[in-house]
Amino acid sequence: MISIKLSPFRGDQPAPSVSTNGFALTINGEVFDFSPLQAGQALPATAVNSEWFTDEITRAGDTLFVTLRLPYGLNPSDAVAFPDPIRVTKAGTVKLPLDAGPDLAELPWAAASVEAP
């Protein structure tokens, strides 16, 4: 099992695409295989060449613990700003909490017409 804690931060980039297979995480197409990490061992996030990992990666028994950065836009929902940890028990895509982007037609400046002087 993989336990993913999310660390939200204000950023304009899209949230990463994350999937798992065993103790390997694939983030935006790049594979990070933590299967060599033995129970009781830890790896500092700085040892992983990725902007998405923060805090150390640890393994306790059959569970891998990782913390991933989660960007959010203006006015995030509570689910995005204060996300619950994600427990991954099977291989596949990890569903991250995301807010829908704004409907551009609803933005205040989109409705206003601008006339040339």
C-alpha atoms as a PDB file:
ATOM      1  CA  MET A   1       0.000   0.000   0.000  1.00  0.00           C
ATOM      2  CA  ILE A   2       1.058   3.597  -0.571  1.00  0.00           C
ATOM      3  CA  SER A   3      -0.086   6.408   1.684  1.00  0.00           C
ATOM      4  CA  ILE A   4       0.055   9.771  -0.085  1.00  0.00           C
ATOM      5  CA  LYS A   5      -0.085  12.930   1.984  1.00  0.00           C
ATOM      6  CA  LEU A   6      -0.686  16.062  -0.063  1.00  0.00           C
ATOM      7  CA  SER A   7       1.041  19.368   0.577  1.00  0.00           C
ATOM      8  CA  PRO A   8      -1.025  22.115  -1.084  1.00  0.00           C
ATOM      9  CA  PHE A   9       0.655  25.256  -2.377  1.00  0.00           C
ATOM     10  CA  ARG A  10      -0.456  28.239  -4.452  1.00  0.00           C
ATOM     11  CA  GLY A  11       0.681  27.676  -8.010  1.00  0.00           C
ATOM     12  CA  ASP A  12      -0.535  28.140 -11.539  1.00  0.00           C
ATOM     13  CA  GLN A  13       0.769  24.879 -12.981  1.00  0.00           C
ATOM     14  CA  PRO A  14      -1.636  21.964 -13.368  1.00  0.00           C
ATOM     15  CA  ALA A  15      -1.742  19.234 -10.751  1.00  0.00           C
ATOM     16  CA  PRO A  16       0.463  16.272 -11.569  1.00  0.00           C
ATOM     17  CA  SER A  17      -0.825  13.092 -13.146  1.00  0.00           C
ATOM     18  CA  VAL A  18      -0.105  10.291 -10.653  1.00  0.00           C
ATOM     19  CA  SER A  19      -0.389   6.532 -10.930  1.00  0.00           C
ATOM     20  CA  THR A  20       1.033   3.626  -8.952  1.00  0.00           C
ATOM     21  CA  ASN A  21       2.178   0.075  -9.494  1.00  0.00           C
ATOM     22  CA  GLY A  22       3.498  -1.672  -6.395  1.00  0.00           C
ATOM     23  CA  PHE A  23       5.895   0.743  -4.689  1.00  0.00           C
ATOM     24  CA  ALA A  24       6.476   2.697  -7.912  1.00  0.00           C
ATOM     25  CA  LEU A  25       4.825   6.051  -8.523  1.00  0.00           C
ATOM     26  CA  THR A  26       4.545   7.541 -11.987  1.00  0.00           C
ATOM     27  CA  ILE A  27       4.245  11.316 -11.943  1.00  0.00           C
ATOM     28  CA  ASN A  28       3.654  13.087 -15.249  1.00  0.00           C
ATOM     29  CA  GLY A  29       5.094  10.066 -17.060  1.00  0.00           C
ATOM     30  CA  GLU A  30       8.266   9.792 -14.938  1.00  0.00           C
ATOM     31  CA  VAL A  31       8.616   6.586 -12.872  1.00  0.00           C
ATOM     32  CA  PHE A  32       9.928   6.704  -9.296  1.00  0.00           C
ATOM     33  CA  ASP A  33      10.470   3.147  -8.042  1.00  0.00           C
ATOM     34  CA  PHE A  34      10.759   2.908  -4.258  1.00  0.00           C
ATOM     35  CA  SER A  35      10.632  -0.904  -4.082  1.00  0.00           C
ATOM     36  CA  PRO A  36      14.320  -1.090  -2.973  1.00  0.00           C
ATOM     37  CA  LEU A  37      13.385   0.901   0.166  1.00  0.00           C
ATOM     38  CA  GLN A  38      13.156  -1.628   3.006  1.00  0.00           C
ATOM     39  CA  ALA A  39      10.810  -1.494   6.009  1.00  0.00           C
ATOM     40  CA  GLY A  40      12.096   1.050   8.516  1.00  0.00           C
ATOM     41  CA  GLN A  41      14.149   2.952   5.950  1.00  0.00           C
ATOM     42  CA  ALA A  42      13.676   6.570   4.898  1.00  0.00           C
ATOM     43  CA  LEU A  43      14.828   8.588   1.931  1.00  0.00           C
ATOM     44  CA  PRO A  44      15.007  12.392   2.023  1.00  0.00           C
ATOM     45  CA  ALA A  45      12.888  14.142  -0.588  1.00  0.00           C
ATOM     46  CA  THR A  46      16.035  15.913  -1.780  1.00  0.00           C
ATOM     47  CA  ALA A  47      17.388  12.525  -2.925  1.00  0.00           C
ATOM     48  CA  VAL A  48      14.549  12.291  -5.442  1.00  0.00           C
ATOM     49  CA  ASN A  49      15.033  14.426  -8.529  1.00  0.00           C
ATOM     50  CA  SER A  50      11.493  15.808  -8.678  1.00  0.00           C
ATOM     51  CA  GLU A  51       9.732  19.006  -7.682  1.00  0.00           C
ATOM     52  CA  TRP A  52       6.665  17.011  -6.618  1.00  0.00           C
ATOM     53  CA  PHE A  53       8.101  15.245  -3.560  1.00  0.00           C
ATOM     54  CA  THR A  54       8.382  17.022  -0.235  1.00  0.00           C
ATOM     55  CA  ASP A  55       9.204  15.537   3.147  1.00  0.00           C
ATOM     56  CA  GLU A  56      10.950  12.199   3.425  1.00  0.00           C
ATOM     57  CA  ILE A  57       9.798   8.982   1.782  1.00  0.00           C
ATOM     58  CA  THR A  58       9.499   6.225   4.352  1.00  0.00           C
ATOM     59  CA  ARG A  59       8.491   2.607   4.457  1.00  0.00           C
ATOM     60  CA  ALA A  60       6.892   0.994   7.502  1.00  0.00           C
ATOM     61  CA  GLY A  61       6.036  -2.656   7.047  1.00  0.00           C
ATOM     62  CA  ASP A  62       4.109  -3.021   3.792  1.00  0.00           C
ATOM     63  CA  THR A  63       3.248   0.679   3.520  1.00  0.00           C
ATOM     64  CA  LEU A  64       5.164   3.356   1.656  1.00  0.00           C
ATOM     65  CA  PHE A  65       4.578   6.923   2.891  1.00  0.00           C
ATOM     66  CA  VAL A  66       5.136   9.857   0.522  1.00  0.00           C
ATOM     67  CA  THR A  67       4.206  13.529   0.528  1.00  0.00           C
ATOM     68  CA  LEU A  68       3.446  15.147  -2.820  1.00  0.00           C
ATOM     69  CA  ARG A  69       3.009  18.825  -3.587  1.00  0.00           C
ATOM     70  CA  LEU A  70      -0.438  19.792  -4.862  1.00  0.00           C
ATOM     71  CA  PRO A  71      -0.812  23.146  -6.644  1.00  0.00           C
ATOM     72  CA  TYR A  72      -4.055  25.056  -6.365  1.00  0.00           C
ATOM     73  CA  GLY A  73      -5.451  28.190  -7.958  1.00  0.00           C
ATOM     74  CA  LEU A  74      -7.303  31.128  -6.472  1.00  0.00           C
ATOM     75  CA  ASN A  75      -9.949  30.299  -3.868  1.00  0.00           C
ATOM     76  CA  PRO A  76      -9.400  26.530  -3.534  1.00  0.00           C
ATOM     77  CA  SER A  77     -12.100  24.346  -2.074  1.00  0.00           C
ATOM     78  CA  ASP A  78     -11.517  22.835   1.372  1.00  0.00           C
ATOM     79  CA  ALA A  79     -10.934  19.450  -0.295  1.00  0.00           C
ATOM     80  CA  VAL A  80      -7.963  20.922  -2.177  1.00  0.00           C
ATOM     81  CA  ALA A  81      -6.646  23.300   0.506  1.00  0.00           C
ATOM     82  CA  PHE A  82      -6.964  20.722   3.307  1.00  0.00           C
ATOM     83  CA  PRO A  83      -6.834  17.328   1.581  1.00  0.00           C
ATOM     84  CA  ASP A  84      -7.157  14.011   3.356  1.00  0.00           C
ATOM     85  CA  PRO A  85      -4.329  11.514   2.867  1.00  0.00           C
ATOM     86  CA  ILE A  86      -4.870   9.081   0.002  1.00  0.00           C
ATOM     87  CA  ARG A  87      -4.510   5.349   0.650  1.00  0.00           C
ATOM     88  CA  VAL A  88      -3.594   3.505  -2.534  1.00  0.00           C
ATOM     89  CA  THR A  89      -4.305  -0.216  -2.344  1.00  0.00           C
ATOM     90  CA  LYS A  90      -4.237  -1.193  -6.017  1.00  0.00           C
ATOM     91  CA  ALA A  91      -2.296  -0.226  -9.109  1.00  0.00           C
ATOM     92  CA  GLY A  92      -3.675   2.491 -11.329  1.00  0.00           C
ATOM     93  CA  THR A  93      -4.414   6.176 -11.538  1.00  0.00           C
ATOM     94  CA  VAL A  94      -4.522   8.153  -8.295  1.00  0.00           C
ATOM     95  CA  LYS A  95      -7.433  10.569  -8.088  1.00  0.00           C
ATOM     96  CA  LEU A  96      -6.167  13.836  -6.636  1.00  0.00           C
ATOM     97  CA  PRO A  97      -8.591  16.412  -5.239  1.00  0.00           C
ATOM     98  CA  LEU A  98      -8.952  19.111  -7.887  1.00  0.00           C
ATOM     99  CA  ASP A  99     -11.085  22.177  -8.386  1.00  0.00           C
ATOM    100  CA  ALA A 100     -12.639  22.800 -11.773  1.00  0.00           C
ATOM    101  CA  GLY A 101     -11.133  25.705 -13.635  1.00  0.00           C
ATOM    102  CA  PRO A 102     -13.177  28.894 -13.907  1.00  0.00           C
ATOM    103  CA  ASP A 103     -15.815  29.225 -16.552  1.00  0.00           C
ATOM    104  CA  LEU A 104     -14.222  32.008 -18.578  1.00  0.00           C
ATOM    105  CA  ALA A 105     -17.640  33.409 -19.531  1.00  0.00           C
ATOM    106  CA  GLU A 106     -18.320  34.047 -15.829  1.00  0.00           C
ATOM    107  CA  LEU A 107     -15.203  36.088 -15.183  1.00  0.00           C
ATOM    108  CA  PRO A 108     -16.039  39.785 -14.660  1.00  0.00           C
ATOM    109  CA  TRP A 109     -13.821  41.099 -17.430  1.00  0.00           C
ATOM    110  CA  ALA A 110     -15.102  38.562 -19.968  1.00  0.00           C
ATOM    111  CA  ALA A 111     -18.602  40.024 -19.933  1.00  0.00           C
ATOM    112  CA  ALA A 112     -17.528  43.648 -20.251  1.00  0.00           C
ATOM    113  CA  SER A 113     -17.071  44.978 -23.714  1.00  0.00           C
ATOM    114  CA  VAL A 114     -14.144  47.238 -24.345  1.00  0.00           C
ATOM    115  CA  GLU A 115     -14.452  49.946 -26.959  1.00  0.00           C
ATOM    116  CA  ALA A 116     -11.462  51.465 -28.640  1.00  0.00           C
ATOM    117  CA  PRO A 117     -11.030  55.235 -28.015  1.00  0.00           C
END
